[in-house]
Amino acid sequence: MSEERKMRALFEALADSVDALTDDELLAECREEGRSPEDVASDTRAVMRDAVKGFKQRSLVAAREKHRESAARIASTTFRLPESPAERRALLSAVIAQHQQAGRLVTAQHRDFNEMTDEDVESWLQQLGHLGLLDRKAEPGE
């Protein structure tokens, strides 16, 4: 018998023994342990509520973990960009010209590229790279 089956059998036996007790026996057992039946009932409801919540949120927990892994992968991947700000701006303009859809996304936020900071340009290039709009294999100057 597997360990999981043994544990399940133990819990079922415990549940059966509690189920076999009368209400008076349960109340007496609680009081013998120095606990009020109300506290035991409240704790039991909390355990059950947490178990149901955990079960209902298992997809959410899995999605959050997948998102965390994706974000970590994206954060660890960088693209080799030109060294000078002017060359990076030129690359951004070239990518936007080549990919009109990406250009509309960028211009929605920054209508005048001259007002973008150098950090914004670099950030946009990294994001466009993650979207597959930069050639990873092509190194600047090659």
N, C-alpha and C. Protein backbone atom coordinates (compact mmCIF):
# COMPACT_ATOMS: atom_id res chain seq x y z
N MET A 1 0.86 -1.18 0.00
CA MET A 1 0.00 0.00 0.00
C MET A 1 0.90 1.24 0.00
N SER A 2 0.58 2.19 -0.87
CA SER A 2 1.40 3.40 -0.97
C SER A 2 1.22 4.26 0.28
N GLU A 3 2.18 5.15 0.47
CA GLU A 3 2.12 6.06 1.63
C GLU A 3 0.87 6.94 1.58
N GLU A 4 0.51 7.38 0.38
CA GLU A 4 -0.67 8.23 0.23
C GLU A 4 -1.93 7.46 0.63
N ARG A 5 -2.02 6.20 0.22
CA ARG A 5 -3.19 5.39 0.58
C ARG A 5 -3.22 5.14 2.09
N LYS A 6 -2.05 4.94 2.68
CA LYS A 6 -1.99 4.73 4.14
C LYS A 6 -2.49 5.97 4.87
N MET A 7 -2.05 7.16 4.40
CA MET A 7 -2.49 8.41 5.04
C MET A 7 -4.00 8.59 4.86
N ARG A 8 -4.50 8.32 3.67
CA ARG A 8 -5.94 8.45 3.41
C ARG A 8 -6.71 7.50 4.33
N ALA A 9 -6.23 6.26 4.49
CA ALA A 9 -6.90 5.29 5.35
C ALA A 9 -6.90 5.77 6.80
N LEU A 10 -5.79 6.36 7.24
CA LEU A 10 -5.71 6.88 8.60
C LEU A 10 -6.72 8.01 8.81
N PHE A 11 -6.76 8.95 7.87
CA PHE A 11 -7.69 10.07 8.00
C PHE A 11 -9.15 9.59 7.95
N GLU A 12 -9.42 8.62 7.12
CA GLU A 12 -10.79 8.09 7.05
C GLU A 12 -11.16 7.39 8.35
N ALA A 13 -10.20 6.67 8.94
CA ALA A 13 -10.46 6.01 10.22
C ALA A 13 -10.71 7.05 11.32
N LEU A 14 -9.91 8.12 11.31
CA LEU A 14 -10.13 9.19 12.30
C LEU A 14 -11.50 9.83 12.12
N ALA A 15 -11.86 10.09 10.87
CA ALA A 15 -13.16 10.69 10.59
C ALA A 15 -14.28 9.76 11.03
N ASP A 16 -14.12 8.47 10.78
CA ASP A 16 -15.14 7.51 11.20
C ASP A 16 -15.28 7.46 12.71
N SER A 17 -14.13 7.54 13.43
CA SER A 17 -14.20 7.49 14.90
C SER A 17 -14.87 8.74 15.46
N VAL A 18 -14.61 9.89 14.85
CA VAL A 18 -15.27 11.13 15.29
C VAL A 18 -16.75 11.08 14.94
N ASP A 19 -17.06 10.53 13.77
CA ASP A 19 -18.45 10.43 13.34
C ASP A 19 -19.26 9.51 14.25
N ALA A 20 -18.59 8.52 14.83
CA ALA A 20 -19.28 7.55 15.70
C ALA A 20 -19.59 8.14 17.08
N LEU A 21 -18.94 9.23 17.45
CA LEU A 21 -19.18 9.84 18.77
C LEU A 21 -20.53 10.55 18.79
N THR A 22 -21.13 10.53 19.96
CA THR A 22 -22.37 11.29 20.15
C THR A 22 -22.00 12.75 20.38
N ASP A 23 -22.99 13.64 20.28
CA ASP A 23 -22.74 15.06 20.52
C ASP A 23 -22.20 15.29 21.92
N ASP A 24 -22.77 14.59 22.91
CA ASP A 24 -22.31 14.75 24.30
C ASP A 24 -20.86 14.30 24.46
N GLU A 25 -20.49 13.21 23.77
CA GLU A 25 -19.11 12.73 23.85
C GLU A 25 -18.14 13.73 23.21
N LEU A 26 -18.55 14.32 22.09
CA LEU A 26 -17.71 15.34 21.44
C LEU A 26 -17.52 16.56 22.34
N LEU A 27 -18.61 17.03 22.94
CA LEU A 27 -18.53 18.20 23.83
C LEU A 27 -17.65 17.89 25.03
N ALA A 28 -17.78 16.69 25.58
CA ALA A 28 -16.97 16.31 26.74
C ALA A 28 -15.49 16.24 26.37
N GLU A 29 -15.20 15.70 25.18
CA GLU A 29 -13.81 15.60 24.73
C GLU A 29 -13.19 16.98 24.55
N CYS A 30 -13.96 17.92 23.98
CA CYS A 30 -13.46 19.29 23.81
C CYS A 30 -13.13 19.90 25.16
N ARG A 31 -14.04 19.74 26.09
CA ARG A 31 -13.84 20.35 27.42
C ARG A 31 -12.67 19.69 28.15
N GLU A 32 -12.46 18.38 27.96
CA GLU A 32 -11.33 17.68 28.59
C GLU A 32 -10.00 18.26 28.09
N GLU A 33 -10.00 18.69 26.83
CA GLU A 33 -8.78 19.28 26.26
C GLU A 33 -8.65 20.75 26.62
N GLY A 34 -9.63 21.30 27.34
CA GLY A 34 -9.55 22.69 27.75
C GLY A 34 -9.96 23.68 26.67
N ARG A 35 -10.70 23.22 25.68
CA ARG A 35 -11.13 24.09 24.58
C ARG A 35 -12.65 24.18 24.59
N SER A 36 -13.11 25.33 24.16
CA SER A 36 -14.57 25.49 24.06
C SER A 36 -15.04 24.91 22.73
N PRO A 37 -16.21 24.30 22.70
CA PRO A 37 -16.74 23.77 21.44
C PRO A 37 -16.88 24.86 20.38
N GLU A 38 -17.17 26.08 20.79
CA GLU A 38 -17.30 27.18 19.84
C GLU A 38 -15.97 27.47 19.15
N ASP A 39 -14.88 27.44 19.93
CA ASP A 39 -13.55 27.67 19.35
C ASP A 39 -13.16 26.55 18.38
N VAL A 40 -13.47 25.31 18.76
CA VAL A 40 -13.16 24.17 17.89
C VAL A 40 -13.96 24.30 16.60
N ALA A 41 -15.24 24.66 16.70
CA ALA A 41 -16.08 24.81 15.52
C ALA A 41 -15.55 25.94 14.63
N SER A 42 -15.15 27.04 15.25
CA SER A 42 -14.61 28.18 14.49
C SER A 42 -13.31 27.79 13.77
N ASP A 43 -12.43 27.07 14.49
CA ASP A 43 -11.18 26.62 13.87
C ASP A 43 -11.45 25.66 12.72
N THR A 44 -12.42 24.77 12.91
CA THR A 44 -12.76 23.80 11.86
C THR A 44 -13.31 24.51 10.63
N ARG A 45 -14.18 25.50 10.85
CA ARG A 45 -14.72 26.26 9.72
C ARG A 45 -13.59 26.98 8.97
N ALA A 46 -12.64 27.55 9.73
CA ALA A 46 -11.52 28.26 9.10
C ALA A 46 -10.67 27.30 8.26
N VAL A 47 -10.40 26.12 8.78
CA VAL A 47 -9.61 25.13 8.04
C VAL A 47 -10.35 24.72 6.76
N MET A 48 -11.64 24.47 6.88
CA MET A 48 -12.42 24.08 5.71
C MET A 48 -12.49 25.22 4.69
N ARG A 49 -12.69 26.45 5.17
CA ARG A 49 -12.76 27.60 4.28
C ARG A 49 -11.43 27.77 3.54
N ASP A 50 -10.31 27.64 4.26
CA ASP A 50 -9.00 27.78 3.63
C ASP A 50 -8.74 26.66 2.61
N ALA A 51 -9.19 25.46 2.93
CA ALA A 51 -9.01 24.34 1.99
C ALA A 51 -9.81 24.57 0.71
N VAL A 52 -11.05 25.02 0.86
CA VAL A 52 -11.88 25.29 -0.32
C VAL A 52 -11.28 26.42 -1.14
N LYS A 53 -10.84 27.49 -0.46
CA LYS A 53 -10.24 28.62 -1.16
C LYS A 53 -8.98 28.18 -1.92
N GLY A 54 -8.14 27.38 -1.25
CA GLY A 54 -6.93 26.88 -1.90
C GLY A 54 -7.25 26.04 -3.12
N PHE A 55 -8.27 25.22 -3.00
CA PHE A 55 -8.68 24.38 -4.14
C PHE A 55 -9.19 25.24 -5.28
N LYS A 56 -10.02 26.22 -4.97
CA LYS A 56 -10.57 27.08 -6.01
C LYS A 56 -9.50 27.94 -6.67
N GLN A 57 -8.45 28.28 -5.94
CA GLN A 57 -7.43 29.18 -6.47
C GLN A 57 -6.22 28.45 -7.05
N ARG A 58 -6.30 27.14 -7.20
CA ARG A 58 -5.13 26.41 -7.70
C ARG A 58 -4.75 26.85 -9.11
N SER A 59 -5.73 27.18 -9.95
CA SER A 59 -5.41 27.66 -11.30
C SER A 59 -4.75 29.04 -11.23
N LEU A 60 -5.23 29.88 -10.33
CA LEU A 60 -4.64 31.21 -10.15
C LEU A 60 -3.20 31.10 -9.68
N VAL A 61 -2.96 30.22 -8.73
CA VAL A 61 -1.60 30.03 -8.20
C VAL A 61 -0.68 29.53 -9.32
N ALA A 62 -1.17 28.59 -10.12
CA ALA A 62 -0.36 28.08 -11.24
C ALA A 62 -0.09 29.17 -12.26
N ALA A 63 -1.08 30.00 -12.55
CA ALA A 63 -0.90 31.09 -13.52
C ALA A 63 0.09 32.12 -12.99
N ARG A 64 0.02 32.42 -11.70
CA ARG A 64 0.97 33.37 -11.11
C ARG A 64 2.40 32.84 -11.20
N GLU A 65 2.56 31.56 -10.95
CA GLU A 65 3.90 30.96 -11.03
C GLU A 65 4.42 30.99 -12.46
N LYS A 66 3.55 30.69 -13.41
CA LYS A 66 3.95 30.74 -14.82
C LYS A 66 4.33 32.17 -15.21
N HIS A 67 3.56 33.14 -14.74
CA HIS A 67 3.87 34.55 -15.02
C HIS A 67 5.21 34.94 -14.40
N ARG A 68 5.45 34.51 -13.16
CA ARG A 68 6.71 34.82 -12.48
C ARG A 68 7.88 34.23 -13.26
N GLU A 69 7.73 33.00 -13.73
CA GLU A 69 8.80 32.37 -14.51
C GLU A 69 9.03 33.11 -15.83
N SER A 70 7.94 33.50 -16.49
CA SER A 70 8.06 34.24 -17.75
C SER A 70 8.73 35.58 -17.53
N ALA A 71 8.32 36.28 -16.47
CA ALA A 71 8.92 37.59 -16.17
C ALA A 71 10.40 37.44 -15.86
N ALA A 72 10.77 36.40 -15.13
CA ALA A 72 12.18 36.17 -14.82
C ALA A 72 12.98 35.86 -16.09
N ARG A 73 12.37 35.08 -16.97
CA ARG A 73 13.05 34.74 -18.24
C ARG A 73 13.24 36.00 -19.08
N ILE A 74 12.21 36.83 -19.15
CA ILE A 74 12.30 38.08 -19.92
C ILE A 74 13.34 39.00 -19.30
N ALA A 75 13.33 39.12 -17.98
CA ALA A 75 14.27 40.01 -17.31
C ALA A 75 15.71 39.57 -17.51
N SER A 76 15.92 38.26 -17.66
CA SER A 76 17.29 37.77 -17.81
C SER A 76 17.78 37.81 -19.25
N THR A 77 16.88 38.06 -20.19
CA THR A 77 17.25 38.11 -21.61
C THR A 77 17.44 39.56 -22.03
N THR A 78 18.59 39.84 -22.59
CA THR A 78 18.83 41.19 -23.11
C THR A 78 19.27 41.07 -24.56
N PHE A 79 19.13 42.14 -25.25
CA PHE A 79 19.52 42.20 -26.64
C PHE A 79 20.68 43.16 -26.77
N ARG A 80 21.63 42.80 -27.60
CA ARG A 80 22.78 43.68 -27.80
C ARG A 80 22.32 44.85 -28.65
N LEU A 81 22.44 46.01 -28.08
CA LEU A 81 22.00 47.24 -28.75
C LEU A 81 23.20 48.11 -29.07
N PRO A 82 23.03 49.01 -30.01
CA PRO A 82 24.12 49.95 -30.30
C PRO A 82 24.53 50.69 -29.02
N GLU A 83 25.78 51.08 -28.96
CA GLU A 83 26.30 51.69 -27.73
C GLU A 83 25.88 53.14 -27.56
N SER A 84 25.77 53.89 -28.63
CA SER A 84 25.46 55.31 -28.47
C SER A 84 23.94 55.53 -28.49
N PRO A 85 23.48 56.53 -27.74
CA PRO A 85 22.05 56.86 -27.74
C PRO A 85 21.53 57.19 -29.15
N ALA A 86 22.34 57.89 -29.95
CA ALA A 86 21.91 58.25 -31.31
C ALA A 86 21.70 57.00 -32.16
N GLU A 87 22.60 56.03 -32.03
CA GLU A 87 22.46 54.78 -32.78
C GLU A 87 21.24 53.98 -32.30
N ARG A 88 20.97 54.00 -30.99
CA ARG A 88 19.79 53.30 -30.47
C ARG A 88 18.51 53.95 -30.98
N ARG A 89 18.49 55.30 -31.02
CA ARG A 89 17.31 56.01 -31.56
C ARG A 89 17.12 55.66 -33.04
N ALA A 90 18.21 55.56 -33.77
CA ALA A 90 18.13 55.22 -35.19
C ALA A 90 17.60 53.79 -35.35
N LEU A 91 18.04 52.88 -34.48
CA LEU A 91 17.55 51.51 -34.53
C LEU A 91 16.06 51.47 -34.21
N LEU A 92 15.64 52.21 -33.20
CA LEU A 92 14.21 52.26 -32.85
C LEU A 92 13.40 52.78 -34.03
N SER A 93 13.86 53.84 -34.65
CA SER A 93 13.15 54.38 -35.81
C SER A 93 13.08 53.35 -36.94
N ALA A 94 14.17 52.62 -37.16
CA ALA A 94 14.19 51.61 -38.22
C ALA A 94 13.23 50.47 -37.91
N VAL A 95 13.19 50.04 -36.66
CA VAL A 95 12.28 48.95 -36.27
C VAL A 95 10.84 49.40 -36.44
N ILE A 96 10.55 50.63 -36.03
CA ILE A 96 9.19 51.15 -36.15
C ILE A 96 8.80 51.28 -37.62
N ALA A 97 9.70 51.75 -38.43
CA ALA A 97 9.41 51.89 -39.86
C ALA A 97 9.18 50.51 -40.49
N GLN A 98 9.93 49.52 -40.05
CA GLN A 98 9.82 48.18 -40.62
C GLN A 98 8.55 47.48 -40.12
N HIS A 99 8.14 47.76 -38.91
CA HIS A 99 6.98 47.09 -38.31
C HIS A 99 5.93 48.14 -37.95
N GLN A 100 5.12 48.46 -38.88
CA GLN A 100 4.14 49.54 -38.68
C GLN A 100 3.25 49.30 -37.48
N GLN A 101 2.87 48.09 -37.22
CA GLN A 101 2.01 47.83 -36.07
C GLN A 101 2.71 48.23 -34.78
N ALA A 102 3.96 47.88 -34.64
CA ALA A 102 4.71 48.26 -33.44
C ALA A 102 4.83 49.77 -33.38
N GLY A 103 4.97 50.43 -34.53
CA GLY A 103 5.06 51.89 -34.56
C GLY A 103 3.81 52.54 -33.98
N ARG A 104 2.65 52.00 -34.31
CA ARG A 104 1.41 52.56 -33.75
C ARG A 104 1.37 52.38 -32.24
N LEU A 105 1.86 51.23 -31.75
CA LEU A 105 1.88 51.02 -30.31
C LEU A 105 2.81 52.01 -29.63
N VAL A 106 3.97 52.23 -30.20
CA VAL A 106 4.94 53.14 -29.60
C VAL A 106 4.44 54.58 -29.69
N THR A 107 3.93 54.98 -30.86
CA THR A 107 3.52 56.37 -31.00
C THR A 107 2.29 56.70 -30.18
N ALA A 108 1.55 55.68 -29.76
CA ALA A 108 0.40 55.96 -28.89
C ALA A 108 0.87 56.57 -27.58
N GLN A 109 2.04 56.20 -27.12
CA GLN A 109 2.55 56.75 -25.87
C GLN A 109 3.52 57.91 -26.11
N HIS A 110 4.35 57.82 -27.11
CA HIS A 110 5.38 58.83 -27.36
C HIS A 110 5.23 59.37 -28.78
N ARG A 111 4.49 60.42 -28.91
CA ARG A 111 4.25 60.96 -30.26
C ARG A 111 5.51 61.62 -30.82
N ASP A 112 6.33 62.18 -29.96
CA ASP A 112 7.56 62.82 -30.41
C ASP A 112 8.74 62.05 -29.84
N PHE A 113 9.41 61.26 -30.69
CA PHE A 113 10.50 60.42 -30.21
C PHE A 113 11.67 61.23 -29.67
N ASN A 114 11.77 62.48 -30.07
CA ASN A 114 12.88 63.31 -29.57
C ASN A 114 12.73 63.59 -28.09
N GLU A 115 11.50 63.50 -27.56
CA GLU A 115 11.27 63.77 -26.14
C GLU A 115 11.50 62.54 -25.27
N MET A 116 11.69 61.37 -25.89
CA MET A 116 11.95 60.15 -25.13
C MET A 116 13.35 60.22 -24.53
N THR A 117 13.50 59.75 -23.30
CA THR A 117 14.82 59.70 -22.70
C THR A 117 15.60 58.54 -23.32
N ASP A 118 16.92 58.57 -23.15
CA ASP A 118 17.74 57.48 -23.67
C ASP A 118 17.34 56.15 -23.03
N GLU A 119 16.97 56.21 -21.74
CA GLU A 119 16.54 55.00 -21.04
C GLU A 119 15.23 54.47 -21.63
N ASP A 120 14.31 55.38 -21.99
CA ASP A 120 13.06 54.95 -22.62
C ASP A 120 13.33 54.27 -23.96
N VAL A 121 14.24 54.84 -24.75
CA VAL A 121 14.58 54.26 -26.05
C VAL A 121 15.12 52.85 -25.84
N GLU A 122 16.05 52.71 -24.90
CA GLU A 122 16.65 51.40 -24.65
C GLU A 122 15.59 50.41 -24.14
N SER A 123 14.72 50.87 -23.26
CA SER A 123 13.66 50.02 -22.73
C SER A 123 12.72 49.55 -23.84
N TRP A 124 12.35 50.48 -24.73
CA TRP A 124 11.48 50.12 -25.84
C TRP A 124 12.16 49.11 -26.76
N LEU A 125 13.44 49.29 -27.02
CA LEU A 125 14.16 48.35 -27.88
C LEU A 125 14.19 46.96 -27.23
N GLN A 126 14.43 46.90 -25.92
CA GLN A 126 14.43 45.61 -25.23
C GLN A 126 13.05 44.96 -25.32
N GLN A 127 11.99 45.74 -25.11
CA GLN A 127 10.63 45.21 -25.19
C GLN A 127 10.30 44.74 -26.60
N LEU A 128 10.70 45.51 -27.60
CA LEU A 128 10.47 45.11 -28.99
C LEU A 128 11.26 43.85 -29.31
N GLY A 129 12.43 43.72 -28.72
CA GLY A 129 13.22 42.50 -28.90
C GLY A 129 12.50 41.29 -28.34
N HIS A 130 11.91 41.44 -27.16
CA HIS A 130 11.17 40.33 -26.56
C HIS A 130 9.92 39.98 -27.37
N LEU A 131 9.40 40.94 -28.10
CA LEU A 131 8.25 40.67 -28.97
C LEU A 131 8.68 40.04 -30.29
N GLY A 132 9.98 39.88 -30.47
CA GLY A 132 10.48 39.25 -31.68
C GLY A 132 10.71 40.21 -32.83
N LEU A 133 10.76 41.50 -32.55
CA LEU A 133 10.92 42.49 -33.61
C LEU A 133 12.38 42.87 -33.83
N LEU A 134 13.27 42.38 -33.01
CA LEU A 134 14.71 42.59 -33.22
C LEU A 134 15.33 41.23 -33.52
N ASP A 135 16.28 41.23 -34.39
CA ASP A 135 16.96 39.99 -34.74
C ASP A 135 18.01 39.71 -33.66
N ARG A 136 17.83 38.64 -32.92
CA ARG A 136 18.77 38.29 -31.85
C ARG A 136 20.16 37.98 -32.37
N LYS A 137 20.22 37.37 -33.54
CA LYS A 137 21.50 36.92 -34.08
C LYS A 137 22.32 38.06 -34.63
N ALA A 138 21.66 39.08 -35.09
CA ALA A 138 22.40 40.21 -35.68
C ALA A 138 22.98 41.06 -34.57
N GLU A 139 24.26 41.13 -34.50
CA GLU A 139 24.94 41.96 -33.52
C GLU A 139 25.21 43.33 -34.11
N PRO A 140 25.13 44.38 -33.30
CA PRO A 140 25.44 45.71 -33.83
C PRO A 140 26.85 45.75 -34.41
N GLY A 141 26.97 46.37 -35.56
CA GLY A 141 28.28 46.54 -36.17
C GLY A 141 28.70 45.35 -37.01
N GLU A 142 27.88 44.31 -37.07
CA GLU A 142 28.23 43.14 -37.89
C GLU A 142 27.61 43.23 -39.24
